[in-house]
């Protein structure tokens, strides 16, 4: 699954560590999600969408 997480995070001036703290996950989790190596659970995806004030569909989309 592809995502716009790095772009959104940088637009907000947030480090991976800061975002991880906001979400209650490790920085390694953020790195893995950003690189597309790990798909977040549905609750985590909702939480990511909430912190960015976006819909899940605006952040995560199928990759080709």
N, C-alpha and C. Protein backbone atom coordinates (compact mmCIF):
# COMPACT_ATOMS: atom_id res chain seq x y z
N UNK A 1 0.83 -1.17 0.00
CA UNK A 1 0.00 0.00 0.00
C UNK A 1 0.89 1.25 0.00
N UNK A 2 0.56 2.18 -0.84
CA UNK A 2 1.30 3.44 -0.91
C UNK A 2 0.65 4.44 0.04
N UNK A 3 1.41 5.49 0.37
CA UNK A 3 0.86 6.50 1.27
C UNK A 3 1.55 7.85 1.07
N UNK A 4 0.89 8.87 1.58
CA UNK A 4 1.43 10.22 1.51
C UNK A 4 1.98 10.66 2.87
N UNK A 5 2.23 9.72 3.73
CA UNK A 5 2.68 10.02 5.09
C UNK A 5 3.95 10.88 5.13
N UNK A 6 5.00 10.56 4.37
CA UNK A 6 6.20 11.42 4.44
C UNK A 6 5.91 12.87 4.06
N UNK A 7 5.11 13.05 3.02
CA UNK A 7 4.77 14.39 2.54
C UNK A 7 3.98 15.14 3.62
N UNK A 8 2.97 14.51 4.18
CA UNK A 8 2.16 15.16 5.20
C UNK A 8 2.99 15.49 6.44
N UNK A 9 3.83 14.57 6.82
CA UNK A 9 4.66 14.76 8.01
C UNK A 9 5.60 15.96 7.80
N UNK A 10 6.22 16.03 6.64
CA UNK A 10 7.15 17.12 6.36
C UNK A 10 6.43 18.45 6.23
N UNK A 11 5.24 18.45 5.62
CA UNK A 11 4.45 19.68 5.52
C UNK A 11 4.12 20.26 6.89
N UNK A 12 3.97 19.38 7.88
CA UNK A 12 3.66 19.81 9.23
C UNK A 12 4.93 20.10 10.05
N UNK A 13 6.10 19.84 9.47
CA UNK A 13 7.35 20.08 10.16
C UNK A 13 7.61 19.08 11.29
N UNK A 14 7.04 17.89 11.15
CA UNK A 14 7.16 16.87 12.20
C UNK A 14 8.25 15.88 11.86
N UNK A 15 9.00 15.49 12.85
CA UNK A 15 9.98 14.42 12.68
C UNK A 15 9.25 13.07 12.78
N UNK A 16 9.92 12.03 12.35
CA UNK A 16 9.36 10.69 12.50
C UNK A 16 9.14 10.38 13.98
N UNK A 17 10.07 10.82 14.80
CA UNK A 17 9.97 10.58 16.25
C UNK A 17 8.75 11.29 16.84
N UNK A 18 8.52 12.53 16.43
CA UNK A 18 7.37 13.28 16.94
C UNK A 18 6.07 12.60 16.54
N UNK A 19 5.95 12.22 15.28
CA UNK A 19 4.74 11.55 14.82
C UNK A 19 4.54 10.24 15.57
N UNK A 20 5.60 9.49 15.75
CA UNK A 20 5.51 8.23 16.49
C UNK A 20 4.98 8.47 17.90
N UNK A 21 5.47 9.52 18.56
CA UNK A 21 4.99 9.83 19.91
C UNK A 21 3.51 10.19 19.89
N UNK A 22 3.08 10.95 18.91
CA UNK A 22 1.67 11.33 18.80
C UNK A 22 0.77 10.12 18.62
N UNK A 23 1.30 9.10 17.97
CA UNK A 23 0.51 7.91 17.65
C UNK A 23 0.71 6.77 18.66
N UNK A 24 1.69 6.92 19.54
CA UNK A 24 1.96 5.86 20.51
C UNK A 24 2.60 4.62 19.90
N UNK A 25 3.42 4.85 18.87
CA UNK A 25 4.13 3.75 18.21
C UNK A 25 5.62 4.09 18.18
N UNK A 26 6.42 3.18 17.71
CA UNK A 26 7.86 3.43 17.61
C UNK A 26 8.19 4.19 16.33
N UNK A 27 9.34 4.84 16.36
CA UNK A 27 9.83 5.52 15.15
C UNK A 27 10.03 4.51 14.03
N UNK A 28 10.45 3.31 14.38
CA UNK A 28 10.66 2.26 13.39
C UNK A 28 9.34 1.92 12.67
N UNK A 29 8.24 1.96 13.40
CA UNK A 29 6.93 1.72 12.78
C UNK A 29 6.63 2.79 11.74
N UNK A 30 6.90 4.04 12.07
CA UNK A 30 6.67 5.14 11.13
C UNK A 30 7.54 4.96 9.89
N UNK A 31 8.80 4.63 10.09
CA UNK A 31 9.71 4.40 8.97
C UNK A 31 9.17 3.30 8.06
N UNK A 32 8.73 2.20 8.65
CA UNK A 32 8.23 1.06 7.88
C UNK A 32 6.97 1.41 7.11
N UNK A 33 6.08 2.17 7.73
CA UNK A 33 4.85 2.58 7.04
C UNK A 33 5.20 3.51 5.89
N UNK A 34 6.06 4.49 6.15
CA UNK A 34 6.44 5.45 5.10
C UNK A 34 7.07 4.76 3.90
N UNK A 35 7.87 3.74 4.13
CA UNK A 35 8.54 3.04 3.04
C UNK A 35 7.63 2.01 2.36
N UNK A 36 6.44 1.80 2.92
CA UNK A 36 5.52 0.83 2.34
C UNK A 36 5.84 -0.61 2.69
N UNK A 37 6.69 -0.81 3.71
CA UNK A 37 7.05 -2.16 4.14
C UNK A 37 6.06 -2.73 5.14
N UNK A 38 5.21 -1.86 5.68
CA UNK A 38 4.27 -2.27 6.73
C UNK A 38 2.97 -1.51 6.53
N UNK A 39 1.86 -2.23 6.50
CA UNK A 39 0.54 -1.60 6.42
C UNK A 39 0.01 -1.47 7.85
N UNK A 40 -0.42 -0.27 8.22
CA UNK A 40 -0.90 -0.09 9.59
C UNK A 40 -2.21 -0.83 9.81
N UNK A 41 -2.47 -1.16 11.07
CA UNK A 41 -3.76 -1.73 11.42
C UNK A 41 -4.83 -0.68 11.14
N UNK A 42 -6.06 -1.09 11.06
CA UNK A 42 -7.14 -0.15 10.81
C UNK A 42 -7.23 0.91 11.91
N UNK A 43 -7.15 0.52 13.20
CA UNK A 43 -7.17 1.57 14.23
C UNK A 43 -6.01 2.56 14.10
N UNK A 44 -4.82 2.09 13.75
CA UNK A 44 -3.69 2.99 13.58
C UNK A 44 -3.89 3.89 12.36
N UNK A 45 -4.44 3.35 11.29
CA UNK A 45 -4.71 4.15 10.10
C UNK A 45 -5.71 5.27 10.43
N UNK A 46 -6.73 4.95 11.20
CA UNK A 46 -7.69 5.98 11.63
C UNK A 46 -7.00 7.04 12.48
N UNK A 47 -6.10 6.63 13.35
CA UNK A 47 -5.39 7.57 14.22
C UNK A 47 -4.47 8.47 13.39
N UNK A 48 -3.80 7.89 12.41
CA UNK A 48 -2.95 8.68 11.51
C UNK A 48 -3.79 9.72 10.78
N UNK A 49 -4.93 9.29 10.26
CA UNK A 49 -5.82 10.21 9.56
C UNK A 49 -6.28 11.33 10.49
N UNK A 50 -6.57 10.98 11.74
CA UNK A 50 -7.05 11.98 12.71
C UNK A 50 -5.99 13.04 12.98
N UNK A 51 -4.74 12.63 13.20
CA UNK A 51 -3.70 13.62 13.54
C UNK A 51 -3.41 14.57 12.38
N UNK A 52 -3.67 14.11 11.16
CA UNK A 52 -3.45 14.97 9.99
C UNK A 52 -4.74 15.64 9.50
N UNK A 53 -5.86 15.38 10.16
CA UNK A 53 -7.16 15.94 9.76
C UNK A 53 -7.47 15.61 8.30
N UNK A 54 -7.25 14.35 7.96
CA UNK A 54 -7.49 13.85 6.61
C UNK A 54 -8.32 12.58 6.69
N UNK A 55 -8.84 12.14 5.56
CA UNK A 55 -9.49 10.83 5.53
C UNK A 55 -8.42 9.77 5.27
N UNK A 56 -8.73 8.55 5.66
CA UNK A 56 -7.79 7.46 5.39
C UNK A 56 -7.48 7.36 3.91
N UNK A 57 -8.53 7.54 3.08
CA UNK A 57 -8.36 7.42 1.63
C UNK A 57 -7.45 8.51 1.06
N UNK A 58 -7.33 9.63 1.76
CA UNK A 58 -6.43 10.69 1.29
C UNK A 58 -4.97 10.39 1.62
N UNK A 59 -4.75 9.46 2.55
CA UNK A 59 -3.39 9.15 2.99
C UNK A 59 -2.90 7.82 2.43
N UNK A 60 -3.77 6.82 2.41
CA UNK A 60 -3.40 5.47 1.97
C UNK A 60 -4.16 5.11 0.70
N UNK A 61 -3.44 4.48 -0.23
CA UNK A 61 -4.07 4.07 -1.47
C UNK A 61 -3.33 2.85 -2.03
N UNK A 62 -4.01 2.07 -2.86
CA UNK A 62 -3.38 0.86 -3.41
C UNK A 62 -2.18 1.21 -4.27
N UNK A 63 -1.14 0.43 -4.13
CA UNK A 63 0.05 0.61 -4.96
C UNK A 63 0.01 -0.28 -6.17
N UNK A 64 0.76 0.09 -7.17
CA UNK A 64 0.79 -0.75 -8.38
C UNK A 64 2.13 -1.40 -8.54
